[in-house]
Amino acid sequence: MGHFLDIAQKILEETKEPLSAKEIVEIAKARGRLLSKGKAPDEIMKSKLSTNILNKKDSSLFMRTDKGKFALR
């Protein structure tokens, strides 16, 4: 699925609540699951999640629950 999407899936499974891309990245970093040297990993996460939802529509594992919030279907 892709590194960022795999991380998002695991974090959302564990937290069982909608999170923003920034929250997903912060939790992943705190748990040692994301070691990004980039300047804006939260923007990359948001882009990956949004693109996945746009391309796969209802078959995506992810969905938007509110503006800037993502959850698992």
Protein backbone atom coordinates (compact mmCIF):
# COMPACT_ATOMS: atom_id res chain seq x y z
CA MET A 1 0.00 0.00 0.00
CA GLY A 2 2.88 2.38 0.71
CA HIS A 3 4.92 3.36 3.75
CA PHE A 4 2.83 6.35 4.83
CA LEU A 5 -0.48 4.57 4.25
CA ASP A 6 0.68 1.48 6.14
CA ILE A 7 1.64 3.69 9.09
CA ALA A 8 -1.69 5.54 8.94
CA GLN A 9 -3.60 2.27 8.92
CA LYS A 10 -1.75 0.96 11.99
CA ILE A 11 -2.14 4.20 13.96
CA LEU A 12 -5.83 4.50 13.14
CA GLU A 13 -6.39 0.85 14.09
CA GLU A 14 -4.70 1.43 17.43
CA THR A 15 -6.35 4.73 18.33
CA LYS A 16 -9.82 3.77 17.04
CA GLU A 17 -10.70 7.43 16.46
CA PRO A 18 -10.48 9.94 13.61
CA LEU A 19 -7.20 11.84 13.49
CA SER A 20 -5.65 14.59 11.41
CA ALA A 21 -2.61 13.81 9.28
CA LYS A 22 -0.51 15.81 11.75
CA GLU A 23 -1.80 13.75 14.69
CA ILE A 24 -1.09 10.50 12.83
CA VAL A 25 2.48 11.63 12.12
CA GLU A 26 3.07 12.81 15.71
CA ILE A 27 1.86 9.49 17.15
CA ALA A 28 3.87 7.50 14.61
CA LYS A 29 7.03 9.45 15.43
CA ALA A 30 6.48 9.06 19.19
CA ARG A 31 6.11 5.29 18.72
CA GLY A 32 9.19 5.07 16.51
CA ARG A 33 7.25 4.05 13.41
CA LEU A 34 8.06 7.06 11.27
CA LEU A 35 11.56 8.31 10.85
CA SER A 36 11.17 11.09 8.32
CA LYS A 37 13.91 13.54 7.52
CA GLY A 38 11.56 15.60 5.38
CA LYS A 39 10.39 19.04 6.42
CA ALA A 40 6.66 18.34 6.20
CA PRO A 41 5.80 14.66 6.80
CA ASP A 42 2.29 15.66 7.89
CA GLU A 43 1.67 17.24 4.48
CA ILE A 44 2.93 14.08 2.78
CA MET A 45 0.63 11.98 4.98
CA LYS A 46 -2.35 14.21 4.18
CA SER A 47 -1.57 14.04 0.46
CA LYS A 48 -1.20 10.24 0.48
CA LEU A 49 -4.45 9.73 2.40
CA SER A 50 -6.39 12.22 0.24
CA THR A 51 -5.08 10.71 -3.00
CA ASN A 52 -5.93 7.19 -1.84
CA ILE A 53 -9.50 8.23 -0.95
CA LEU A 54 -9.92 10.13 -4.25
CA ASN A 55 -8.59 7.29 -6.41
CA LYS A 56 -10.14 4.30 -4.65
CA LYS A 57 -13.35 5.96 -3.47
CA ASP A 58 -15.44 3.45 -1.46
CA SER A 59 -12.82 0.72 -1.79
CA SER A 60 -10.26 2.81 0.09
CA LEU A 61 -9.47 1.67 3.64
CA PHE A 62 -9.63 5.33 4.64
CA MET A 63 -12.36 7.94 4.79
CA ARG A 64 -12.75 11.56 5.79
CA THR A 65 -14.87 12.08 8.87
CA ASP A 66 -14.54 15.87 8.97
CA LYS A 67 -12.37 18.51 7.39
CA GLY A 68 -8.78 17.35 7.89
CA LYS A 69 -9.78 14.22 9.85
CA PHE A 70 -9.25 10.66 8.65
CA ALA A 71 -10.49 7.30 9.90
CA LEU A 72 -10.68 3.69 8.76
CA ARG A 73 -13.83 2.44 7.05
